[in-house]
Amino acid sequence: MTALDRLPSSSRLWLFALDGPVTDALLADVRAFCATWTSHARPVQAEADVLAQNVLAVAALITDAEFNAGVSGCGIDSMQHAVEAAAERHGRSLVPALAVTYRDDAGVWQTVARPAFRRLVREGAAGPETPVLDLTPTTLDALQAAGGVERAAGDSWHALTFGLEPVA
């Protein structure tokens, strides 16, 4: 069981890839923020956890009744800033949104710009079976349906973007 399991599966999800493993201290800082997070002067029921070693997940309960008054843009910004600050305090950076993070042949996470990943695909160094991080799920339901954040490139958005055949 993870901390995210304490929230309903319909909860909103934000995923952040970091340039190295998420440490216990970094996670503790983000969890401390979640315990005090507010939006519209109301507490946000939120949890944070680590997925696939380098991914920080933050989820928040937003009920249908709260949907239009749920976590505001400013509330989301404050969470983003808290994650960025915690990462920086612990010697990590967020991976740029347009980068591709994949496991190399040695099983080590690598992050490259999209043109560099496209070259890897053309050269045969990456293909449909290459494990990648897919940070597109926006709810806990979607994360569960996707089977997590680590997927074969051919079974994620990477397939269409980089012309890969689906694995399944």
N, C-alpha and C. Protein backbone atom coordinates (compact mmCIF):
# COMPACT_ATOMS: atom_id res chain seq x y z
N MET A 1 0.85 -1.19 0.00
CA MET A 1 0.00 0.00 0.00
C MET A 1 0.89 1.24 0.00
N THR A 2 0.52 2.21 -0.81
CA THR A 2 1.25 3.48 -0.85
C THR A 2 0.39 4.58 -0.24
N ALA A 3 1.00 5.72 -0.01
CA ALA A 3 0.25 6.86 0.53
C ALA A 3 -0.88 7.26 -0.41
N LEU A 4 -0.67 7.07 -1.71
CA LEU A 4 -1.71 7.45 -2.68
C LEU A 4 -2.97 6.61 -2.52
N ASP A 5 -2.83 5.41 -1.97
CA ASP A 5 -3.99 4.52 -1.78
C ASP A 5 -4.97 5.07 -0.74
N ARG A 6 -4.57 6.09 0.02
CA ARG A 6 -5.46 6.69 1.02
C ARG A 6 -6.51 7.60 0.38
N LEU A 7 -6.32 7.91 -0.90
CA LEU A 7 -7.25 8.78 -1.61
C LEU A 7 -8.10 7.97 -2.57
N PRO A 8 -9.30 8.46 -2.89
CA PRO A 8 -10.12 7.78 -3.89
C PRO A 8 -9.41 7.73 -5.24
N SER A 9 -9.71 6.73 -6.02
CA SER A 9 -9.03 6.56 -7.32
C SER A 9 -9.36 7.68 -8.30
N SER A 10 -10.40 8.45 -8.05
CA SER A 10 -10.75 9.56 -8.93
C SER A 10 -9.94 10.83 -8.64
N SER A 11 -9.06 10.77 -7.65
CA SER A 11 -8.29 11.95 -7.25
C SER A 11 -7.41 12.46 -8.38
N ARG A 12 -7.22 13.78 -8.42
CA ARG A 12 -6.37 14.45 -9.42
C ARG A 12 -4.91 14.10 -9.12
N LEU A 13 -4.12 13.96 -10.16
CA LEU A 13 -2.74 13.51 -10.01
C LEU A 13 -1.80 14.43 -10.79
N TRP A 14 -0.67 14.76 -10.16
CA TRP A 14 0.41 15.48 -10.81
C TRP A 14 1.67 14.64 -10.67
N LEU A 15 2.39 14.45 -11.75
CA LEU A 15 3.59 13.63 -11.76
C LEU A 15 4.79 14.47 -12.15
N PHE A 16 5.88 14.29 -11.41
CA PHE A 16 7.10 15.06 -11.63
C PHE A 16 8.28 14.10 -11.75
N ALA A 17 8.95 14.10 -12.90
CA ALA A 17 10.17 13.31 -13.06
C ALA A 17 11.33 14.16 -12.55
N LEU A 18 12.22 13.53 -11.80
CA LEU A 18 13.40 14.21 -11.29
C LEU A 18 14.65 13.65 -11.94
N ASP A 19 15.72 14.40 -11.87
CA ASP A 19 16.97 14.00 -12.51
C ASP A 19 17.77 12.98 -11.69
N GLY A 20 17.17 12.41 -10.70
CA GLY A 20 17.79 11.38 -9.88
C GLY A 20 16.73 10.81 -8.96
N PRO A 21 17.10 9.81 -8.17
CA PRO A 21 16.12 9.20 -7.27
C PRO A 21 15.53 10.20 -6.28
N VAL A 22 14.25 10.03 -5.97
CA VAL A 22 13.58 10.84 -4.97
C VAL A 22 14.01 10.29 -3.61
N THR A 23 14.67 11.12 -2.81
CA THR A 23 15.15 10.68 -1.50
C THR A 23 14.01 10.71 -0.48
N ASP A 24 14.22 10.01 0.62
CA ASP A 24 13.24 10.02 1.70
C ASP A 24 13.05 11.45 2.24
N ALA A 25 14.14 12.20 2.33
CA ALA A 25 14.06 13.57 2.86
C ALA A 25 13.27 14.47 1.92
N LEU A 26 13.48 14.33 0.62
CA LEU A 26 12.73 15.12 -0.36
C LEU A 26 11.24 14.78 -0.25
N LEU A 27 10.93 13.49 -0.20
CA LEU A 27 9.54 13.06 -0.08
C LEU A 27 8.93 13.61 1.21
N ALA A 28 9.67 13.58 2.30
CA ALA A 28 9.16 14.11 3.58
C ALA A 28 8.83 15.59 3.46
N ASP A 29 9.66 16.36 2.76
CA ASP A 29 9.38 17.78 2.56
C ASP A 29 8.08 17.99 1.79
N VAL A 30 7.87 17.21 0.73
CA VAL A 30 6.66 17.36 -0.07
C VAL A 30 5.44 16.91 0.74
N ARG A 31 5.59 15.85 1.51
CA ARG A 31 4.47 15.41 2.36
C ARG A 31 4.13 16.47 3.41
N ALA A 32 5.14 17.15 3.93
CA ALA A 32 4.88 18.23 4.90
C ALA A 32 4.08 19.34 4.23
N PHE A 33 4.42 19.67 2.98
CA PHE A 33 3.62 20.66 2.25
C PHE A 33 2.19 20.16 2.10
N CYS A 34 2.02 18.90 1.68
CA CYS A 34 0.67 18.36 1.45
C CYS A 34 -0.19 18.46 2.72
N ALA A 35 0.42 18.28 3.87
CA ALA A 35 -0.32 18.34 5.14
C ALA A 35 -0.82 19.75 5.44
N THR A 36 -0.22 20.76 4.82
CA THR A 36 -0.63 22.15 5.08
C THR A 36 -1.19 22.85 3.84
N TRP A 37 -1.33 22.12 2.74
CA TRP A 37 -1.78 22.70 1.47
C TRP A 37 -3.20 23.22 1.60
N THR A 38 -3.42 24.44 1.14
CA THR A 38 -4.76 25.01 1.11
C THR A 38 -5.03 25.62 -0.26
N SER A 39 -6.30 25.72 -0.57
CA SER A 39 -6.76 26.38 -1.79
C SER A 39 -8.09 27.04 -1.46
N HIS A 40 -8.23 28.29 -1.80
CA HIS A 40 -9.44 29.05 -1.43
C HIS A 40 -9.64 29.02 0.08
N ALA A 41 -8.54 29.07 0.82
CA ALA A 41 -8.54 29.06 2.29
C ALA A 41 -9.12 27.77 2.88
N ARG A 42 -9.21 26.73 2.06
CA ARG A 42 -9.69 25.43 2.55
C ARG A 42 -8.56 24.42 2.43
N PRO A 43 -8.46 23.50 3.38
CA PRO A 43 -7.42 22.48 3.29
C PRO A 43 -7.65 21.57 2.09
N VAL A 44 -6.56 21.17 1.47
CA VAL A 44 -6.60 20.23 0.36
C VAL A 44 -6.20 18.86 0.91
N GLN A 45 -7.06 17.87 0.72
CA GLN A 45 -6.70 16.51 1.14
C GLN A 45 -5.77 15.95 0.07
N ALA A 46 -4.49 15.77 0.43
CA ALA A 46 -3.48 15.39 -0.56
C ALA A 46 -2.49 14.39 0.01
N GLU A 47 -1.87 13.66 -0.87
CA GLU A 47 -0.83 12.69 -0.52
C GLU A 47 0.28 12.79 -1.55
N ALA A 48 1.47 12.37 -1.16
CA ALA A 48 2.61 12.32 -2.08
C ALA A 48 3.32 10.99 -1.91
N ASP A 49 3.89 10.49 -3.00
CA ASP A 49 4.65 9.25 -2.95
C ASP A 49 5.62 9.19 -4.12
N VAL A 50 6.45 8.17 -4.10
CA VAL A 50 7.46 7.97 -5.14
C VAL A 50 7.02 6.83 -6.04
N LEU A 51 7.17 7.03 -7.33
CA LEU A 51 6.88 5.99 -8.33
C LEU A 51 8.13 5.81 -9.18
N ALA A 52 8.46 4.60 -9.52
CA ALA A 52 9.58 4.29 -10.42
C ALA A 52 10.87 5.02 -10.03
N GLN A 53 11.12 5.18 -8.76
CA GLN A 53 12.36 5.70 -8.22
C GLN A 53 12.59 7.19 -8.46
N ASN A 54 12.36 7.67 -9.67
CA ASN A 54 12.66 9.06 -10.02
C ASN A 54 11.41 9.92 -10.20
N VAL A 55 10.24 9.41 -9.89
CA VAL A 55 9.01 10.16 -10.13
C VAL A 55 8.32 10.45 -8.80
N LEU A 56 8.04 11.72 -8.59
CA LEU A 56 7.29 12.16 -7.43
C LEU A 56 5.84 12.34 -7.86
N ALA A 57 4.93 11.72 -7.14
CA ALA A 57 3.50 11.83 -7.43
C ALA A 57 2.82 12.60 -6.31
N VAL A 58 1.99 13.56 -6.67
CA VAL A 58 1.17 14.29 -5.72
C VAL A 58 -0.27 14.14 -6.19
N ALA A 59 -1.13 13.69 -5.30
CA ALA A 59 -2.54 13.51 -5.64
C ALA A 59 -3.40 14.30 -4.65
N ALA A 60 -4.53 14.81 -5.13
CA ALA A 60 -5.43 15.58 -4.29
C ALA A 60 -6.87 15.17 -4.59
N LEU A 61 -7.63 15.08 -3.53
CA LEU A 61 -9.05 14.76 -3.65
C LEU A 61 -9.80 16.00 -4.10
N ILE A 62 -10.46 15.89 -5.23
CA ILE A 62 -11.33 16.96 -5.72
C ILE A 62 -12.66 16.28 -6.05
N THR A 63 -13.65 16.50 -5.20
CA THR A 63 -14.94 15.85 -5.41
C THR A 63 -15.72 16.57 -6.49
N ASP A 64 -16.75 15.92 -7.00
CA ASP A 64 -17.60 16.56 -8.01
C ASP A 64 -18.20 17.85 -7.48
N ALA A 65 -18.57 17.85 -6.20
CA ALA A 65 -19.16 19.05 -5.61
C ALA A 65 -18.15 20.20 -5.55
N GLU A 66 -16.87 19.88 -5.45
CA GLU A 66 -15.84 20.90 -5.36
C GLU A 66 -15.20 21.22 -6.71
N PHE A 67 -15.59 20.51 -7.75
CA PHE A 67 -14.82 20.57 -8.99
C PHE A 67 -14.53 21.99 -9.45
N ASN A 68 -15.53 22.85 -9.46
CA ASN A 68 -15.31 24.22 -9.91
C ASN A 68 -14.65 25.08 -8.85
N ALA A 69 -14.68 24.62 -7.60
CA ALA A 69 -14.05 25.39 -6.53
C ALA A 69 -12.95 24.55 -5.87
N GLY A 70 -12.48 23.53 -6.55
CA GLY A 70 -11.46 22.66 -5.98
C GLY A 70 -10.12 23.36 -5.90
N VAL A 71 -9.06 22.68 -6.19
CA VAL A 71 -7.74 23.29 -6.11
C VAL A 71 -7.62 24.33 -7.22
N SER A 72 -7.39 25.57 -6.82
CA SER A 72 -7.31 26.67 -7.77
C SER A 72 -5.98 26.65 -8.52
N GLY A 73 -5.91 27.45 -9.56
CA GLY A 73 -4.65 27.60 -10.27
C GLY A 73 -3.54 28.06 -9.35
N CYS A 74 -3.86 28.99 -8.46
CA CYS A 74 -2.86 29.46 -7.49
C CYS A 74 -2.47 28.34 -6.53
N GLY A 75 -3.44 27.51 -6.16
CA GLY A 75 -3.15 26.37 -5.29
C GLY A 75 -2.24 25.37 -5.98
N ILE A 76 -2.49 25.13 -7.25
CA ILE A 76 -1.64 24.21 -8.02
C ILE A 76 -0.25 24.81 -8.17
N ASP A 77 -0.18 26.12 -8.42
CA ASP A 77 1.12 26.79 -8.51
C ASP A 77 1.90 26.65 -7.20
N SER A 78 1.21 26.80 -6.07
CA SER A 78 1.92 26.70 -4.78
C SER A 78 2.47 25.29 -4.59
N MET A 79 1.73 24.27 -5.03
CA MET A 79 2.23 22.89 -4.94
C MET A 79 3.43 22.71 -5.86
N GLN A 80 3.35 23.22 -7.09
CA GLN A 80 4.46 23.13 -8.04
C GLN A 80 5.71 23.78 -7.44
N HIS A 81 5.55 24.95 -6.87
CA HIS A 81 6.69 25.64 -6.27
C HIS A 81 7.25 24.87 -5.09
N ALA A 82 6.38 24.26 -4.29
CA ALA A 82 6.83 23.47 -3.15
C ALA A 82 7.64 22.26 -3.61
N VAL A 83 7.18 21.61 -4.67
CA VAL A 83 7.91 20.46 -5.23
C VAL A 83 9.26 20.91 -5.76
N GLU A 84 9.28 22.00 -6.53
CA GLU A 84 10.54 22.51 -7.09
C GLU A 84 11.52 22.89 -5.98
N ALA A 85 11.03 23.55 -4.94
CA ALA A 85 11.90 23.97 -3.83
C ALA A 85 12.44 22.76 -3.07
N ALA A 86 11.60 21.76 -2.83
CA ALA A 86 12.06 20.55 -2.14
C ALA A 86 13.12 19.84 -2.97
N ALA A 87 12.88 19.75 -4.27
CA ALA A 87 13.87 19.11 -5.14
C ALA A 87 15.20 19.85 -5.06
N GLU A 88 15.15 21.16 -5.16
CA GLU A 88 16.38 21.96 -5.12
C GLU A 88 17.11 21.80 -3.78
N ARG A 89 16.37 21.82 -2.67
CA ARG A 89 16.99 21.65 -1.34
C ARG A 89 17.74 20.32 -1.24
N HIS A 90 17.27 19.34 -1.98
CA HIS A 90 17.86 18.00 -1.88
C HIS A 90 18.69 17.63 -3.10
N GLY A 91 19.14 18.65 -3.83
CA GLY A 91 20.08 18.43 -4.93
C GLY A 91 19.50 17.79 -6.17
N ARG A 92 18.22 17.97 -6.39
CA ARG A 92 17.56 17.42 -7.57
C ARG A 92 16.93 18.55 -8.38
N SER A 93 16.68 18.27 -9.65
CA SER A 93 15.96 19.19 -10.53
C SER A 93 14.83 18.43 -11.19
N LEU A 94 13.80 19.16 -11.56
CA LEU A 94 12.71 18.55 -12.33
C LEU A 94 13.18 18.36 -13.76
N VAL A 95 12.82 17.24 -14.35
CA VAL A 95 13.13 16.98 -15.75
C VAL A 95 12.24 17.88 -16.59
N PRO A 96 12.79 18.53 -17.62
CA PRO A 96 11.96 19.39 -18.47
C PRO A 96 10.77 18.61 -19.06
N ALA A 97 9.65 19.27 -19.17
CA ALA A 97 8.41 18.63 -19.62
C ALA A 97 8.53 18.00 -21.00
N LEU A 98 9.35 18.55 -21.87
CA LEU A 98 9.45 18.02 -23.23
C LEU A 98 10.59 17.02 -23.41
N ALA A 99 11.24 16.64 -22.33
CA ALA A 99 12.31 15.65 -22.41
C ALA A 99 11.72 14.24 -22.38
N VAL A 100 12.54 13.27 -22.74
CA VAL A 100 12.16 11.86 -22.69
C VAL A 100 13.09 11.17 -21.69
N THR A 101 12.49 10.46 -20.75
CA THR A 101 13.27 9.69 -19.78
C THR A 101 13.05 8.22 -20.09
N TYR A 102 14.15 7.49 -20.28
CA TYR A 102 14.09 6.08 -20.66
C TYR A 102 15.18 5.32 -19.92
N ARG A 103 15.01 4.00 -19.87
CA ARG A 103 16.04 3.14 -19.28
C ARG A 103 16.98 2.70 -20.39
N ASP A 104 18.28 2.88 -20.16
CA ASP A 104 19.25 2.44 -21.16
C ASP A 104 19.47 0.92 -21.03
N ASP A 105 20.36 0.37 -21.84
CA ASP A 105 20.60 -1.07 -21.83
C ASP A 105 21.10 -1.58 -20.49
N ALA A 106 21.71 -0.71 -19.69
CA ALA A 106 22.19 -1.10 -18.36
C ALA A 106 21.10 -0.95 -17.29
N GLY A 107 19.91 -0.48 -17.70
CA GLY A 107 18.80 -0.32 -16.76
C GLY A 107 18.83 1.00 -16.00
N VAL A 108 19.67 1.94 -16.43
CA VAL A 108 19.80 3.23 -15.77
C VAL A 108 18.91 4.25 -16.47
N TRP A 109 18.19 5.06 -15.67
CA TRP A 109 17.35 6.10 -16.25
C TRP A 109 18.23 7.16 -16.90
N GLN A 110 17.88 7.53 -18.13
CA GLN A 110 18.55 8.59 -18.88
C GLN A 110 17.49 9.58 -19.34
N THR A 111 17.84 10.84 -19.37
CA THR A 111 16.91 11.86 -19.87
C THR A 111 17.57 12.60 -21.01
N VAL A 112 16.84 12.69 -22.12
CA VAL A 112 17.35 13.37 -23.31
C VAL A 112 16.24 14.23 -23.91
N ALA A 113 16.64 15.18 -24.72
CA ALA A 113 15.67 15.99 -25.46
C ALA A 113 14.99 15.10 -26.50
N ARG A 114 13.82 15.48 -26.93
CA ARG A 114 13.08 14.67 -27.91
C ARG A 114 13.87 14.41 -29.20
N PRO A 115 14.57 15.41 -29.76
CA PRO A 115 15.34 15.09 -30.97
C PRO A 115 16.41 14.01 -30.72
N ALA A 116 17.02 14.01 -29.55
CA ALA A 116 18.03 12.99 -29.24
C ALA A 116 17.38 11.62 -29.12
N PHE A 117 16.17 11.55 -28.54
CA PHE A 117 15.48 10.25 -28.45
C PHE A 117 15.08 9.78 -29.84
N ARG A 118 14.66 10.70 -30.69
CA ARG A 118 14.31 10.35 -32.07
C ARG A 118 15.53 9.74 -32.78
N ARG A 119 16.72 10.31 -32.55
CA ARG A 119 17.95 9.74 -33.13
C ARG A 119 18.21 8.34 -32.59
N LEU A 120 17.99 8.14 -31.28
CA LEU A 120 18.18 6.80 -30.70
C LEU A 120 17.25 5.79 -31.37
N VAL A 121 16.03 6.19 -31.65
CA VAL A 121 15.07 5.31 -32.32
C VAL A 121 15.56 5.01 -33.74
N ARG A 122 15.96 6.04 -34.46
CA ARG A 122 16.45 5.84 -35.85
C ARG A 122 17.67 4.94 -35.88
N GLU A 123 18.55 5.07 -34.89
CA GLU A 123 19.78 4.27 -34.84
C GLU A 123 19.55 2.87 -34.28
N GLY A 124 18.33 2.59 -33.81
CA GLY A 124 18.03 1.28 -33.25
C GLY A 124 18.45 1.11 -31.80
N ALA A 125 18.91 2.17 -31.16
CA ALA A 125 19.32 2.11 -29.76
C ALA A 125 18.12 2.19 -28.82
N ALA A 126 16.98 2.60 -29.33
CA ALA A 126 15.72 2.63 -28.57
C ALA A 126 14.63 2.14 -29.52
N GLY A 127 13.66 1.46 -28.94
CA GLY A 127 12.58 0.92 -29.77
C GLY A 127 11.32 0.73 -28.96
N PRO A 128 10.36 -0.03 -29.50
CA PRO A 128 9.07 -0.20 -28.83
C PRO A 128 9.18 -0.81 -27.44
N GLU A 129 10.18 -1.63 -27.20
CA GLU A 129 10.34 -2.29 -25.90
C GLU A 129 11.09 -1.44 -24.88
N THR A 130 11.67 -0.33 -25.30
CA THR A 130 12.45 0.51 -24.40
C THR A 130 11.56 1.04 -23.28
N PRO A 131 11.93 0.81 -22.02
CA PRO A 131 11.14 1.38 -20.91
C PRO A 131 11.27 2.90 -20.88
N VAL A 132 10.14 3.57 -20.76
CA VAL A 132 10.09 5.03 -20.69
C VAL A 132 9.21 5.44 -19.52
N LEU A 133 9.36 6.69 -19.10
CA LEU A 133 8.44 7.26 -18.13
C LEU A 133 7.31 7.94 -18.89
N ASP A 134 6.09 7.59 -18.55
CA ASP A 134 4.91 8.21 -19.15
C ASP A 134 4.20 8.97 -18.04
N LEU A 135 4.29 10.27 -18.06
CA LEU A 135 3.73 11.12 -17.00
C LEU A 135 2.38 11.72 -17.39
N THR A 136 1.70 11.10 -18.35
CA THR A 136 0.43 11.66 -18.82
C THR A 136 -0.79 11.36 -17.96
N PRO A 137 -0.82 10.32 -17.11
CA PRO A 137 -2.02 10.12 -16.29
C PRO A 137 -2.29 11.32 -15.38
N THR A 138 -3.56 11.74 -15.32
CA THR A 138 -3.92 12.90 -14.50
C THR A 138 -4.86 12.56 -13.35
N THR A 139 -5.18 11.27 -13.21
CA THR A 139 -5.96 10.81 -12.07
C THR A 139 -5.33 9.50 -11.58
N LEU A 140 -5.63 9.14 -10.35
CA LEU A 140 -5.13 7.86 -9.84
C LEU A 140 -5.72 6.70 -10.64
N ASP A 141 -6.99 6.83 -11.08
CA ASP A 141 -7.60 5.81 -11.95
C ASP A 141 -6.77 5.61 -13.22
N ALA A 142 -6.43 6.70 -13.87
CA ALA A 142 -5.66 6.63 -15.12
C ALA A 142 -4.28 6.03 -14.88
N LEU A 143 -3.67 6.36 -13.75
CA LEU A 143 -2.37 5.78 -13.42
C LEU A 143 -2.47 4.27 -13.25
N GLN A 144 -3.51 3.83 -12.56
CA GLN A 144 -3.71 2.40 -12.37
C GLN A 144 -4.01 1.71 -13.71
N ALA A 145 -4.85 2.33 -14.54
CA ALA A 145 -5.18 1.73 -15.84
C ALA A 145 -3.94 1.62 -16.72
N ALA A 146 -3.01 2.57 -16.60
CA ALA A 146 -1.79 2.55 -17.40
C ALA A 146 -0.77 1.56 -16.86
N GLY A 147 -1.00 1.06 -15.66
CA GLY A 147 -0.04 0.13 -15.05
C GLY A 147 1.16 0.83 -14.45
N GLY A 148 1.02 2.12 -14.13
CA GLY A 148 2.12 2.88 -13.54
C GLY A 148 2.72 3.85 -14.52
N VAL A 149 3.87 4.41 -14.15
CA VAL A 149 4.51 5.41 -14.99
C VAL A 149 5.59 4.83 -15.88
N GLU A 150 6.07 3.64 -15.57
CA GLU A 150 7.09 3.01 -16.40
C GLU A 150 6.40 2.06 -17.37
N ARG A 151 6.57 2.34 -18.66
CA ARG A 151 5.90 1.55 -19.68
C ARG A 151 6.84 1.34 -20.85
N ALA A 152 6.50 0.39 -21.69
CA ALA A 152 7.24 0.21 -22.94
C ALA A 152 6.90 1.39 -23.85
N ALA A 153 7.91 1.93 -24.54
CA ALA A 153 7.70 3.09 -25.41
C ALA A 153 6.59 2.83 -26.43
N GLY A 154 6.50 1.59 -26.91
CA GLY A 154 5.48 1.26 -27.90
C GLY A 154 4.07 1.24 -27.34
N ASP A 155 3.93 1.29 -26.01
CA ASP A 155 2.62 1.28 -25.37
C ASP A 155 2.29 2.61 -24.69
N SER A 156 2.98 3.67 -25.11
CA SER A 156 2.75 4.98 -24.51
C SER A 156 2.66 6.03 -25.62
N TRP A 157 2.57 7.28 -25.24
CA TRP A 157 2.51 8.36 -26.22
C TRP A 157 3.74 8.37 -27.12
N HIS A 158 4.83 7.78 -26.65
CA HIS A 158 6.07 7.75 -27.42
C HIS A 158 5.89 7.02 -28.76
N ALA A 159 4.99 6.05 -28.80
CA ALA A 159 4.78 5.28 -30.03
C ALA A 159 4.36 6.19 -31.18
N LEU A 160 3.37 7.00 -30.95
CA LEU A 160 2.89 7.91 -31.99
C LEU A 160 3.92 9.00 -32.30
N THR A 161 4.49 9.57 -31.27
CA THR A 161 5.44 10.67 -31.44
C THR A 161 6.70 10.26 -32.19
N PHE A 162 7.18 9.03 -31.92
CA PHE A 162 8.45 8.59 -32.50
C PHE A 162 8.31 7.47 -33.51
N GLY A 163 7.08 7.18 -33.95
CA GLY A 163 6.85 6.19 -35.00
C GLY A 163 7.19 4.77 -34.59
N LEU A 164 6.86 4.39 -33.36
CA LEU A 164 7.15 3.06 -32.85
C LEU A 164 5.92 2.17 -32.96
N GLU A 165 6.13 0.92 -33.24
CA GLU A 165 5.04 -0.04 -33.28
C GLU A 165 4.61 -0.39 -31.86
N PRO A 166 3.31 -0.53 -31.61
CA PRO A 166 2.86 -0.95 -30.28
C PRO A 166 3.44 -2.32 -29.92
N VAL A 167 3.71 -2.50 -28.63
CA VAL A 167 4.27 -3.77 -28.14
C VAL A 167 3.19 -4.82 -28.05
N ALA A 168 2.03 -4.44 -27.57
CA ALA A 168 0.96 -5.41 -27.29
C ALA A 168 0.40 -6.06 -28.48
